[in-house]
Structures are given as structure tokens and as C-alpha cells.
N, C-alpha and C. Protein backbone atom coordinates (compact mmCIF):
# COMPACT_ATOMS: atom_id res chain seq x y z
N MET A 1 100.85 -0.53 -36.67
CA MET A 1 101.40 0.33 -35.61
C MET A 1 100.65 1.66 -35.58
N SER A 2 100.29 2.09 -34.40
CA SER A 2 99.55 3.34 -34.27
C SER A 2 100.41 4.54 -34.65
N GLU A 3 99.77 5.55 -35.20
CA GLU A 3 100.44 6.79 -35.55
C GLU A 3 100.04 7.86 -34.55
N TYR A 4 101.03 8.61 -34.09
CA TYR A 4 100.76 9.66 -33.11
C TYR A 4 101.24 11.01 -33.63
N VAL A 5 100.56 12.05 -33.19
CA VAL A 5 100.94 13.42 -33.52
C VAL A 5 100.91 14.25 -32.24
N TYR A 6 101.57 15.41 -32.29
CA TYR A 6 101.52 16.37 -31.20
C TYR A 6 100.88 17.66 -31.68
N ALA A 7 100.06 18.26 -30.82
CA ALA A 7 99.48 19.55 -31.16
C ALA A 7 100.53 20.64 -31.02
N LEU A 8 100.69 21.42 -32.07
CA LEU A 8 101.62 22.55 -32.04
C LEU A 8 100.94 23.81 -31.55
N HIS A 9 99.62 23.87 -31.70
CA HIS A 9 98.84 25.05 -31.32
C HIS A 9 97.57 24.60 -30.62
N ASP A 10 97.02 25.49 -29.82
CA ASP A 10 95.71 25.23 -29.23
C ASP A 10 94.66 25.22 -30.35
N PHE A 11 93.64 24.40 -30.15
CA PHE A 11 92.53 24.38 -31.10
C PHE A 11 91.23 24.36 -30.31
N HIS A 12 90.34 25.29 -30.62
CA HIS A 12 89.04 25.39 -29.94
C HIS A 12 87.94 24.94 -30.90
N PRO A 13 87.31 23.82 -30.61
CA PRO A 13 86.31 23.26 -31.53
C PRO A 13 85.10 24.16 -31.71
N GLU A 14 84.56 24.11 -32.91
CA GLU A 14 83.34 24.87 -33.23
C GLU A 14 82.16 23.95 -33.49
N ASN A 15 82.43 22.65 -33.61
CA ASN A 15 81.37 21.66 -33.86
C ASN A 15 81.49 20.52 -32.85
N GLU A 16 80.39 19.80 -32.66
CA GLU A 16 80.34 18.75 -31.65
C GLU A 16 81.27 17.59 -31.95
N ASP A 17 81.59 17.36 -33.25
CA ASP A 17 82.44 16.22 -33.59
C ASP A 17 83.93 16.56 -33.57
N GLU A 18 84.28 17.74 -33.08
CA GLU A 18 85.68 18.16 -33.00
C GLU A 18 86.17 18.08 -31.54
N ILE A 19 87.48 17.96 -31.36
CA ILE A 19 88.05 17.92 -30.00
C ILE A 19 88.97 19.11 -29.77
N ALA A 20 88.96 19.57 -28.55
CA ALA A 20 89.84 20.67 -28.17
C ALA A 20 91.27 20.16 -28.03
N LEU A 21 92.22 20.96 -28.48
CA LEU A 21 93.63 20.62 -28.36
C LEU A 21 94.36 21.74 -27.62
N LEU A 22 95.31 21.33 -26.80
CA LEU A 22 96.25 22.27 -26.20
C LEU A 22 97.63 21.95 -26.74
N ALA A 23 98.41 22.98 -27.01
CA ALA A 23 99.76 22.77 -27.52
C ALA A 23 100.49 21.77 -26.63
N GLY A 24 101.03 20.73 -27.25
CA GLY A 24 101.73 19.69 -26.51
C GLY A 24 100.91 18.42 -26.33
N ASP A 25 99.61 18.47 -26.60
CA ASP A 25 98.78 17.26 -26.50
C ASP A 25 99.27 16.18 -27.46
N ARG A 26 99.27 14.95 -26.99
CA ARG A 26 99.63 13.80 -27.82
C ARG A 26 98.34 13.13 -28.26
N ILE A 27 98.19 12.92 -29.58
CA ILE A 27 96.95 12.38 -30.14
C ILE A 27 97.25 11.16 -30.99
N GLU A 28 96.49 10.12 -30.77
CA GLU A 28 96.58 8.93 -31.62
C GLU A 28 95.69 9.15 -32.84
N VAL A 29 96.24 9.01 -34.03
CA VAL A 29 95.48 9.22 -35.26
C VAL A 29 94.62 7.98 -35.54
N ILE A 30 93.32 8.20 -35.66
CA ILE A 30 92.40 7.11 -35.93
C ILE A 30 92.07 7.03 -37.42
N GLN A 31 91.81 8.19 -38.00
CA GLN A 31 91.42 8.21 -39.42
C GLN A 31 91.79 9.57 -40.03
N LYS A 32 92.26 9.51 -41.27
CA LYS A 32 92.57 10.74 -42.00
C LYS A 32 91.43 11.00 -42.97
N HIS A 33 90.53 11.89 -42.59
CA HIS A 33 89.33 12.13 -43.39
C HIS A 33 89.68 12.76 -44.74
N ASP A 34 90.53 13.75 -44.71
CA ASP A 34 90.97 14.39 -45.95
C ASP A 34 92.29 15.09 -45.66
N GLU A 35 92.75 15.93 -46.55
CA GLU A 35 94.05 16.56 -46.38
C GLU A 35 94.05 17.66 -45.32
N ASN A 36 92.86 18.01 -44.84
CA ASN A 36 92.76 19.09 -43.86
C ASN A 36 92.33 18.64 -42.46
N TRP A 37 91.53 17.57 -42.38
CA TRP A 37 90.97 17.15 -41.10
C TRP A 37 91.24 15.68 -40.82
N TRP A 38 91.69 15.42 -39.60
CA TRP A 38 91.91 14.05 -39.14
C TRP A 38 91.07 13.77 -37.91
N GLN A 39 90.85 12.50 -37.66
CA GLN A 39 90.16 12.09 -36.44
C GLN A 39 91.18 11.44 -35.52
N GLY A 40 91.10 11.77 -34.24
CA GLY A 40 92.09 11.22 -33.32
C GLY A 40 91.55 11.04 -31.92
N LYS A 41 92.38 10.41 -31.10
CA LYS A 41 92.03 10.11 -29.71
C LYS A 41 93.11 10.68 -28.79
N LYS A 42 92.68 11.49 -27.82
CA LYS A 42 93.62 12.08 -26.88
C LYS A 42 93.90 11.12 -25.72
N VAL A 43 94.87 11.47 -24.91
CA VAL A 43 95.25 10.63 -23.78
C VAL A 43 94.10 10.45 -22.81
N ASP A 44 93.22 11.46 -22.70
CA ASP A 44 92.08 11.36 -21.79
C ASP A 44 90.92 10.55 -22.36
N GLY A 45 91.11 10.00 -23.58
CA GLY A 45 90.10 9.14 -24.18
C GLY A 45 89.13 9.85 -25.11
N LYS A 46 89.18 11.18 -25.16
CA LYS A 46 88.25 11.92 -26.02
C LYS A 46 88.62 11.72 -27.49
N VAL A 47 87.59 11.52 -28.31
CA VAL A 47 87.78 11.26 -29.74
C VAL A 47 87.06 12.35 -30.53
N GLY A 48 87.70 12.80 -31.61
CA GLY A 48 87.06 13.79 -32.45
C GLY A 48 87.97 14.26 -33.56
N LEU A 49 87.45 15.19 -34.33
CA LEU A 49 88.18 15.75 -35.46
C LEU A 49 89.06 16.91 -35.02
N PHE A 50 90.17 17.08 -35.74
CA PHE A 50 91.06 18.21 -35.49
C PHE A 50 91.75 18.57 -36.79
N PRO A 51 92.18 19.83 -36.93
CA PRO A 51 92.84 20.24 -38.18
C PRO A 51 94.29 19.74 -38.23
N LYS A 52 94.62 19.16 -39.37
CA LYS A 52 95.99 18.65 -39.57
C LYS A 52 97.02 19.75 -39.42
N SER A 53 96.64 20.98 -39.76
CA SER A 53 97.58 22.10 -39.72
C SER A 53 98.03 22.44 -38.31
N HIS A 54 97.34 21.90 -37.30
CA HIS A 54 97.67 22.21 -35.92
C HIS A 54 98.58 21.17 -35.28
N VAL A 55 99.00 20.15 -36.03
CA VAL A 55 99.76 19.06 -35.42
C VAL A 55 101.03 18.76 -36.21
N ILE A 56 101.90 18.00 -35.56
CA ILE A 56 103.12 17.51 -36.20
C ILE A 56 103.29 16.06 -35.81
N SER A 57 103.84 15.26 -36.71
CA SER A 57 104.03 13.84 -36.43
C SER A 57 105.01 13.63 -35.28
N ALA A 58 104.69 12.68 -34.41
CA ALA A 58 105.58 12.34 -33.30
C ALA A 58 106.79 11.59 -33.84
N LEU A 59 107.91 11.68 -33.15
CA LEU A 59 109.10 10.93 -33.54
C LEU A 59 108.80 9.43 -33.49
N LEU A 60 109.34 8.67 -34.43
CA LEU A 60 109.09 7.23 -34.46
C LEU A 60 109.57 6.56 -33.19
N THR A 61 110.71 6.99 -32.70
CA THR A 61 111.25 6.48 -31.44
C THR A 61 111.24 7.62 -30.43
N PRO A 62 110.51 7.48 -29.34
CA PRO A 62 110.46 8.57 -28.34
C PRO A 62 111.86 8.96 -27.87
N GLU A 63 112.07 10.24 -27.70
CA GLU A 63 113.36 10.74 -27.22
C GLU A 63 113.14 11.68 -26.04
N TYR A 64 114.04 11.61 -25.08
CA TYR A 64 113.97 12.47 -23.91
C TYR A 64 115.33 13.12 -23.68
N VAL A 65 115.30 14.27 -23.03
CA VAL A 65 116.53 14.94 -22.63
C VAL A 65 116.36 15.45 -21.20
N TYR A 66 117.50 15.71 -20.56
CA TYR A 66 117.51 16.37 -19.25
C TYR A 66 118.09 17.76 -19.42
N ALA A 67 117.49 18.72 -18.74
CA ALA A 67 118.09 20.05 -18.68
C ALA A 67 119.24 20.03 -17.69
N THR A 68 120.38 20.55 -18.11
CA THR A 68 121.53 20.63 -17.21
C THR A 68 121.80 22.07 -16.76
N TYR A 69 121.04 23.01 -17.30
CA TYR A 69 121.12 24.41 -16.89
C TYR A 69 119.71 24.99 -16.85
N ASP A 70 119.52 26.02 -16.06
CA ASP A 70 118.27 26.76 -16.10
C ASP A 70 118.20 27.54 -17.42
N PHE A 71 117.00 27.62 -17.99
CA PHE A 71 116.80 28.42 -19.20
C PHE A 71 115.57 29.28 -19.00
N TYR A 72 115.75 30.58 -19.25
CA TYR A 72 114.65 31.52 -19.08
C TYR A 72 114.20 32.00 -20.46
N PRO A 73 112.96 31.72 -20.83
CA PRO A 73 112.50 32.05 -22.18
C PRO A 73 112.48 33.56 -22.44
N GLN A 74 112.76 33.92 -23.68
CA GLN A 74 112.72 35.31 -24.11
C GLN A 74 111.60 35.56 -25.11
N HIS A 75 110.95 34.47 -25.54
CA HIS A 75 109.84 34.58 -26.48
C HIS A 75 108.68 33.69 -26.02
N ARG A 76 107.49 33.98 -26.48
CA ARG A 76 106.29 33.28 -26.02
C ARG A 76 106.28 31.80 -26.38
N ASP A 77 107.00 31.43 -27.46
CA ASP A 77 106.98 30.03 -27.89
C ASP A 77 108.08 29.20 -27.23
N GLU A 78 108.77 29.77 -26.23
CA GLU A 78 109.82 29.05 -25.52
C GLU A 78 109.33 28.63 -24.13
N ILE A 79 109.97 27.61 -23.55
CA ILE A 79 109.57 27.18 -22.21
C ILE A 79 110.71 27.35 -21.22
N HIS A 80 110.32 27.57 -19.98
CA HIS A 80 111.30 27.70 -18.91
C HIS A 80 111.80 26.32 -18.51
N LEU A 81 113.11 26.18 -18.39
CA LEU A 81 113.71 24.93 -17.93
C LEU A 81 114.44 25.16 -16.62
N ARG A 82 114.31 24.19 -15.73
CA ARG A 82 115.13 24.15 -14.53
C ARG A 82 116.08 22.98 -14.65
N ALA A 83 117.31 23.18 -14.23
CA ALA A 83 118.28 22.09 -14.29
C ALA A 83 117.70 20.86 -13.59
N GLY A 84 117.73 19.73 -14.30
CA GLY A 84 117.15 18.49 -13.78
C GLY A 84 115.82 18.14 -14.40
N ASP A 85 115.18 19.09 -15.10
CA ASP A 85 113.90 18.79 -15.77
C ASP A 85 114.10 17.71 -16.83
N ARG A 86 113.12 16.83 -16.92
CA ARG A 86 113.09 15.81 -17.96
C ARG A 86 112.08 16.24 -19.01
N ILE A 87 112.50 16.27 -20.28
CA ILE A 87 111.65 16.80 -21.35
C ILE A 87 111.53 15.77 -22.47
N GLU A 88 110.30 15.56 -22.92
CA GLU A 88 110.09 14.71 -24.09
C GLU A 88 110.28 15.55 -25.35
N VAL A 89 111.14 15.10 -26.24
CA VAL A 89 111.42 15.84 -27.47
C VAL A 89 110.31 15.58 -28.49
N VAL A 90 109.71 16.65 -28.96
CA VAL A 90 108.64 16.55 -29.95
C VAL A 90 109.16 16.82 -31.36
N GLN A 91 110.05 17.78 -31.47
CA GLN A 91 110.55 18.17 -32.80
C GLN A 91 111.95 18.74 -32.68
N LYS A 92 112.78 18.42 -33.67
CA LYS A 92 114.12 18.97 -33.75
C LYS A 92 114.15 20.01 -34.87
N TYR A 93 114.32 21.26 -34.49
CA TYR A 93 114.30 22.32 -35.49
C TYR A 93 115.61 22.38 -36.26
N ASP A 94 116.71 22.33 -35.54
CA ASP A 94 118.03 22.35 -36.16
C ASP A 94 119.02 21.85 -35.12
N ASP A 95 120.29 22.14 -35.30
CA ASP A 95 121.30 21.68 -34.35
C ASP A 95 121.29 22.48 -33.06
N SER A 96 120.47 23.53 -33.02
CA SER A 96 120.51 24.43 -31.86
C SER A 96 119.25 24.39 -30.99
N TRP A 97 118.08 24.15 -31.60
CA TRP A 97 116.82 24.26 -30.87
C TRP A 97 115.99 22.99 -30.99
N LEU A 98 115.32 22.68 -29.88
CA LEU A 98 114.38 21.56 -29.82
C LEU A 98 113.03 22.09 -29.36
N GLN A 99 112.00 21.33 -29.68
CA GLN A 99 110.67 21.62 -29.16
C GLN A 99 110.24 20.42 -28.33
N GLY A 100 109.72 20.66 -27.16
CA GLY A 100 109.39 19.53 -26.30
C GLY A 100 108.34 19.84 -25.26
N LYS A 101 108.06 18.80 -24.48
CA LYS A 101 107.02 18.87 -23.46
C LYS A 101 107.58 18.39 -22.13
N LYS A 102 107.40 19.21 -21.10
CA LYS A 102 107.85 18.85 -19.77
C LYS A 102 106.80 18.00 -19.06
N LEU A 103 107.19 17.43 -17.92
CA LEU A 103 106.27 16.57 -17.17
C LEU A 103 105.06 17.35 -16.67
N ASP A 104 105.22 18.67 -16.48
CA ASP A 104 104.09 19.47 -16.00
C ASP A 104 103.16 19.89 -17.13
N GLY A 105 103.45 19.43 -18.36
CA GLY A 105 102.59 19.72 -19.50
C GLY A 105 102.99 20.94 -20.31
N SER A 106 103.92 21.76 -19.80
CA SER A 106 104.33 22.94 -20.56
C SER A 106 105.07 22.51 -21.82
N PHE A 107 104.86 23.29 -22.87
CA PHE A 107 105.30 22.89 -24.21
C PHE A 107 105.92 24.09 -24.91
N GLY A 108 107.07 23.86 -25.59
CA GLY A 108 107.67 24.95 -26.33
C GLY A 108 109.09 24.66 -26.74
N LEU A 109 109.76 25.70 -27.19
CA LEU A 109 111.14 25.60 -27.69
C LEU A 109 112.15 25.80 -26.57
N PHE A 110 113.31 25.16 -26.73
CA PHE A 110 114.40 25.35 -25.78
C PHE A 110 115.71 25.02 -26.49
N PRO A 111 116.83 25.59 -26.04
CA PRO A 111 118.12 25.34 -26.71
C PRO A 111 118.68 23.96 -26.38
N GLN A 112 119.09 23.24 -27.39
CA GLN A 112 119.64 21.90 -27.21
C GLN A 112 120.90 21.92 -26.35
N SER A 113 121.65 23.01 -26.41
CA SER A 113 122.91 23.10 -25.66
C SER A 113 122.70 23.12 -24.15
N TYR A 114 121.46 23.31 -23.71
CA TYR A 114 121.15 23.32 -22.28
C TYR A 114 120.75 21.92 -21.78
N THR A 115 120.88 20.91 -22.64
CA THR A 115 120.37 19.58 -22.30
C THR A 115 121.39 18.49 -22.62
N VAL A 116 121.11 17.30 -22.08
CA VAL A 116 121.87 16.09 -22.43
C VAL A 116 120.84 15.00 -22.70
N PRO A 117 121.17 14.00 -23.53
CA PRO A 117 120.22 12.91 -23.81
C PRO A 117 119.85 12.16 -22.53
N ALA A 118 118.62 11.70 -22.49
CA ALA A 118 118.13 10.93 -21.34
C ALA A 118 117.65 9.57 -21.81
N PRO A 119 117.72 8.55 -20.96
CA PRO A 119 117.19 7.23 -21.34
C PRO A 119 115.67 7.26 -21.40
N LEU A 120 115.09 6.29 -22.10
CA LEU A 120 113.63 6.22 -22.18
C LEU A 120 113.02 6.05 -20.80
N THR A 121 113.69 5.26 -19.96
CA THR A 121 113.23 5.05 -18.59
C THR A 121 114.23 5.68 -17.63
N PRO A 122 113.79 6.56 -16.74
CA PRO A 122 114.73 7.20 -15.82
C PRO A 122 115.52 6.18 -14.99
N GLU A 123 116.78 6.50 -14.73
CA GLU A 123 117.62 5.66 -13.88
C GLU A 123 117.67 6.25 -12.48
N TYR A 124 117.51 5.40 -11.48
CA TYR A 124 117.55 5.87 -10.10
C TYR A 124 118.62 5.13 -9.31
N VAL A 125 119.18 5.81 -8.34
CA VAL A 125 120.07 5.17 -7.36
C VAL A 125 119.60 5.60 -5.98
N TYR A 126 120.11 4.90 -4.96
CA TYR A 126 119.70 5.17 -3.58
C TYR A 126 120.92 5.51 -2.74
N ALA A 127 120.80 6.55 -1.95
CA ALA A 127 121.90 6.96 -1.09
C ALA A 127 122.09 5.94 0.03
N ILE A 128 123.32 5.52 0.23
CA ILE A 128 123.63 4.57 1.31
C ILE A 128 124.37 5.27 2.45
N PHE A 129 124.76 6.54 2.23
CA PHE A 129 125.36 7.38 3.27
C PHE A 129 124.82 8.79 3.11
N ASP A 130 124.84 9.54 4.18
CA ASP A 130 124.59 10.97 4.08
C ASP A 130 125.76 11.61 3.33
N PHE A 131 125.45 12.59 2.50
CA PHE A 131 126.50 13.34 1.80
C PHE A 131 126.23 14.82 1.99
N HIS A 132 127.24 15.53 2.52
CA HIS A 132 127.12 16.96 2.77
C HIS A 132 127.94 17.72 1.74
N PRO A 133 127.30 18.54 0.93
CA PRO A 133 128.01 19.24 -0.15
C PRO A 133 129.09 20.17 0.39
N GLU A 134 130.15 20.31 -0.37
CA GLU A 134 131.21 21.27 -0.07
C GLU A 134 131.20 22.43 -1.05
N TYR A 135 130.50 22.26 -2.16
CA TYR A 135 130.44 23.30 -3.19
C TYR A 135 128.99 23.54 -3.58
N GLN A 136 128.71 24.70 -4.14
CA GLN A 136 127.34 25.09 -4.47
C GLN A 136 126.70 24.21 -5.52
N ASP A 137 127.52 23.60 -6.38
CA ASP A 137 126.94 22.79 -7.45
C ASP A 137 126.76 21.33 -7.04
N GLU A 138 126.89 21.03 -5.74
CA GLU A 138 126.66 19.67 -5.23
C GLU A 138 125.33 19.63 -4.47
N ILE A 139 124.75 18.43 -4.34
CA ILE A 139 123.47 18.30 -3.65
C ILE A 139 123.61 17.44 -2.41
N TYR A 140 122.78 17.73 -1.43
CA TYR A 140 122.76 16.97 -0.18
C TYR A 140 122.04 15.65 -0.39
N LEU A 141 122.60 14.58 0.18
CA LEU A 141 121.97 13.27 0.16
C LEU A 141 121.79 12.78 1.59
N SER A 142 120.65 12.18 1.84
CA SER A 142 120.40 11.53 3.12
C SER A 142 120.24 10.04 2.86
N ALA A 143 120.86 9.21 3.70
CA ALA A 143 120.80 7.76 3.49
C ALA A 143 119.36 7.31 3.27
N GLY A 144 119.14 6.58 2.18
CA GLY A 144 117.81 6.11 1.83
C GLY A 144 117.15 6.93 0.74
N ASP A 145 117.66 8.13 0.46
CA ASP A 145 117.10 8.97 -0.59
C ASP A 145 117.19 8.29 -1.95
N ARG A 146 116.19 8.52 -2.78
CA ARG A 146 116.24 8.08 -4.17
C ARG A 146 116.64 9.27 -5.03
N ILE A 147 117.62 9.06 -5.90
CA ILE A 147 118.14 10.14 -6.74
C ILE A 147 117.98 9.75 -8.20
N GLU A 148 117.44 10.65 -8.99
CA GLU A 148 117.32 10.43 -10.43
C GLU A 148 118.64 10.84 -11.09
N VAL A 149 119.26 9.90 -11.78
CA VAL A 149 120.59 10.14 -12.38
C VAL A 149 120.43 10.82 -13.73
N VAL A 150 121.16 11.91 -13.91
CA VAL A 150 121.14 12.64 -15.17
C VAL A 150 122.39 12.35 -16.00
N GLN A 151 123.56 12.37 -15.37
CA GLN A 151 124.82 12.08 -16.05
C GLN A 151 125.77 11.38 -15.10
N LYS A 152 126.64 10.52 -15.69
CA LYS A 152 127.73 9.89 -14.93
C LYS A 152 129.04 10.32 -15.56
N PHE A 153 130.03 10.57 -14.70
CA PHE A 153 131.33 11.02 -15.17
C PHE A 153 132.42 10.02 -14.78
N ASN A 154 133.55 10.12 -15.45
CA ASN A 154 134.61 9.12 -15.26
C ASN A 154 135.48 9.37 -14.03
N ASP A 155 135.17 10.39 -13.23
CA ASP A 155 135.95 10.64 -12.01
C ASP A 155 135.22 10.19 -10.75
N GLY A 156 134.12 9.42 -10.94
CA GLY A 156 133.40 8.90 -9.79
C GLY A 156 132.24 9.76 -9.33
N TRP A 157 131.91 10.80 -10.09
CA TRP A 157 130.81 11.69 -9.74
C TRP A 157 129.65 11.55 -10.72
N CYS A 158 128.49 11.90 -10.24
CA CYS A 158 127.27 11.90 -11.06
C CYS A 158 126.58 13.25 -10.92
N GLN A 159 125.71 13.54 -11.86
CA GLN A 159 124.78 14.66 -11.75
C GLN A 159 123.39 14.08 -11.64
N GLY A 160 122.58 14.65 -10.78
CA GLY A 160 121.23 14.13 -10.64
C GLY A 160 120.35 15.04 -9.82
N LYS A 161 119.15 14.54 -9.56
CA LYS A 161 118.13 15.31 -8.85
C LYS A 161 117.72 14.55 -7.59
N ASN A 162 117.80 15.21 -6.43
CA ASN A 162 117.50 14.51 -5.18
C ASN A 162 116.01 14.58 -4.83
N PHE A 163 115.67 14.08 -3.64
CA PHE A 163 114.27 13.96 -3.22
C PHE A 163 113.57 15.31 -3.17
N ALA A 164 114.33 16.38 -2.94
CA ALA A 164 113.76 17.71 -2.82
C ALA A 164 113.68 18.43 -4.16
N GLY A 165 114.13 17.76 -5.24
CA GLY A 165 114.12 18.38 -6.55
C GLY A 165 115.35 19.20 -6.85
N ARG A 166 116.33 19.20 -5.93
CA ARG A 166 117.57 19.93 -6.17
C ARG A 166 118.44 19.17 -7.15
N PHE A 167 119.11 19.90 -8.02
CA PHE A 167 119.94 19.31 -9.07
C PHE A 167 121.40 19.64 -8.83
N GLY A 168 122.29 18.64 -8.98
CA GLY A 168 123.70 18.91 -8.83
C GLY A 168 124.53 17.64 -8.81
N PHE A 169 125.79 17.80 -8.40
CA PHE A 169 126.73 16.68 -8.37
C PHE A 169 126.63 15.91 -7.06
N PHE A 170 126.91 14.61 -7.14
CA PHE A 170 127.02 13.77 -5.95
C PHE A 170 127.98 12.62 -6.26
N PRO A 171 128.67 12.07 -5.25
CA PRO A 171 129.63 10.99 -5.50
C PRO A 171 128.90 9.65 -5.70
N GLN A 172 129.27 8.96 -6.75
CA GLN A 172 128.61 7.70 -7.07
C GLN A 172 128.79 6.65 -5.97
N ASN A 173 129.94 6.69 -5.28
CA ASN A 173 130.20 5.65 -4.27
C ASN A 173 129.42 5.87 -2.97
N TYR A 174 128.60 6.91 -2.91
CA TYR A 174 127.68 7.11 -1.79
C TYR A 174 126.30 6.51 -2.10
N THR A 175 126.19 5.86 -3.25
CA THR A 175 124.89 5.37 -3.68
C THR A 175 124.96 3.90 -4.10
N SER A 176 123.78 3.32 -4.24
CA SER A 176 123.63 1.94 -4.68
C SER A 176 122.43 1.87 -5.61
N PRO A 177 122.44 0.94 -6.58
CA PRO A 177 121.27 0.81 -7.46
C PRO A 177 120.07 0.19 -6.77
N THR A 178 120.26 -0.32 -5.55
CA THR A 178 119.15 -0.93 -4.81
C THR A 178 118.84 -0.09 -3.58
N PRO A 179 117.61 -0.18 -3.06
CA PRO A 179 117.24 0.61 -1.89
C PRO A 179 118.16 0.34 -0.70
N HIS A 180 118.24 1.32 0.18
CA HIS A 180 119.16 1.27 1.31
C HIS A 180 118.97 0.04 2.19
N ASN A 181 117.70 -0.35 2.42
CA ASN A 181 117.47 -1.45 3.35
C ASN A 181 117.88 -2.81 2.79
N SER A 182 118.21 -2.88 1.48
CA SER A 182 118.67 -4.14 0.91
C SER A 182 120.17 -4.11 0.62
N TRP A 183 120.85 -3.03 1.05
CA TRP A 183 122.28 -2.89 0.79
C TRP A 183 123.05 -3.42 1.99
N HIS A 184 124.16 -4.09 1.74
CA HIS A 184 124.99 -4.63 2.81
C HIS A 184 126.37 -3.98 2.76
N ALA A 185 126.97 -3.78 3.91
CA ALA A 185 128.25 -3.09 4.00
C ALA A 185 129.30 -3.79 3.15
N SER A 186 130.15 -2.99 2.53
CA SER A 186 131.22 -3.52 1.68
C SER A 186 132.56 -3.32 2.37
N PRO A 187 133.48 -4.28 2.26
CA PRO A 187 134.81 -4.09 2.84
C PRO A 187 135.66 -3.11 2.05
N ASN A 188 135.18 -2.67 0.91
CA ASN A 188 135.94 -1.74 0.07
C ASN A 188 136.07 -0.40 0.78
N PRO A 189 137.28 0.05 1.12
CA PRO A 189 137.44 1.29 1.88
C PRO A 189 137.06 2.54 1.09
N SER A 190 136.93 2.42 -0.23
CA SER A 190 136.57 3.60 -1.02
C SER A 190 135.10 3.94 -0.89
N ILE A 191 134.29 2.98 -0.42
CA ILE A 191 132.87 3.24 -0.26
C ILE A 191 132.67 4.29 0.84
N GLY A 192 131.99 5.34 0.51
CA GLY A 192 131.71 6.38 1.49
C GLY A 192 132.81 7.42 1.61
N CYS A 193 133.86 7.34 0.81
CA CYS A 193 134.92 8.35 0.80
C CYS A 193 134.69 9.28 -0.37
N ARG A 194 134.81 10.57 -0.11
CA ARG A 194 134.56 11.55 -1.16
C ARG A 194 135.64 11.47 -2.24
N PRO A 195 135.27 11.16 -3.50
CA PRO A 195 136.26 11.14 -4.57
C PRO A 195 136.67 12.55 -4.96
N THR A 196 137.85 12.67 -5.53
CA THR A 196 138.34 13.97 -5.99
C THR A 196 137.67 14.32 -7.31
N ARG A 197 137.16 15.55 -7.38
CA ARG A 197 136.56 16.00 -8.64
C ARG A 197 137.65 16.53 -9.56
N ARG A 198 137.68 15.98 -10.78
CA ARG A 198 138.67 16.38 -11.77
C ARG A 198 137.94 16.92 -13.00
N ALA A 199 138.69 17.21 -14.05
CA ALA A 199 138.06 17.58 -15.31
C ALA A 199 137.20 16.41 -15.73
N GLN A 200 135.90 16.64 -15.87
CA GLN A 200 134.96 15.54 -15.99
C GLN A 200 134.61 15.23 -17.44
N ALA A 201 134.67 13.94 -17.76
CA ALA A 201 134.21 13.45 -19.05
C ALA A 201 133.12 12.44 -18.78
N LYS A 202 132.07 12.48 -19.60
CA LYS A 202 130.95 11.57 -19.40
C LYS A 202 131.35 10.14 -19.70
N LEU A 203 130.72 9.21 -18.98
CA LEU A 203 130.95 7.78 -19.24
C LEU A 203 130.14 7.35 -20.46
């Protein structure tokens, strides 16, 4: 099984057999030359030496989280999160802080309390009706939209991110796991009716 590491710091090579690293780079370890230098392969296919001191071992099982709140960094080693961001977890510092990489490549620390666990593969649903928000924390849906699901609650509501990147609540019964053009009308009168939002517990 291949071994992978993540770069914790940028590395600027001084010799031709070394590779440049940016914090957050994922590297496949090819050979451990000694206790200080390893040889590896980056995602772009470049192969070379890098200092072991600049990397950390990747988690054996990849883990992802979703940001459920905006987070504004106060230190240089932290990253900005927007509610709905999907982040790959690189390192768990303690019960309070994680280190991870966003889809845009930004890498750094963020508070675990601002996130919820995410599946390895994102879950999507499709809007089968237009939904017009009544509250600021809800998102607009247009029939046919694909929505990335972040959380499901036991009162019939979900949290997710719509086609425009907006994050918020939407009613599950306005959506289907299949695209709109393959959905057929249901005789169930609850379909398309706004459910009442109650004290929400995750499913």
C-alpha cells in the first residue's frame, strides 16, 4: 500500500534532484533515503527529494468535514472557512483544532466546532420544486438544481449548498436523489409542502 504525506511548510529546492513543495501538497512516498530526506511524487507527477521535517503522514483513512459556520482566521497558520466549504482533514491537533486543505488548495488550521463530518463522496439531491426561503438561514431552490447535502435533520429539513454556492436550510421533501427529469409526481400530499422547523437533531 502506498504511503502518503502532506507538506506542512513550503519548500524551495536548492538542487536539481529536489522538488518544490507548497503547504498542503499531497506527496506519495517513493523511497526513504535517510532520516532527513525522502523521495516522493506529487499529484502533478513531479518526482524528487524533500525534507522529512516539512511533511506529516496522511491519515490512513481519508476524512472530510463541512464548515457549518464562517470562520475568519486570526493567525497566519489558519484558513478562512465559508459555511458549506468541504475540507480534507490532514491532522487533528486536539479536540478543538484541525488542520486541513480546502478544494481551492488553501491549507491551515481551523476550529473543529465550526464543522461537521462529511462522507468520503459528497451526497447530492435535486430540487423537484422551486423553494422560496422565508428566513435568512434558508436557501433558494429552483426545480432541477443540484444541491450538495451537508446535514439531514429529523424534522424534514436539510442543510446544504445550492447551485450558486449559497449555504443554508432547505426542506427535504422538495428534493429527490435523482435528477428532475427522471422524477415522477407522487400522490403523497406532503411532497412540496413546507415542513415545520422544530428543534433540530441530526439523523
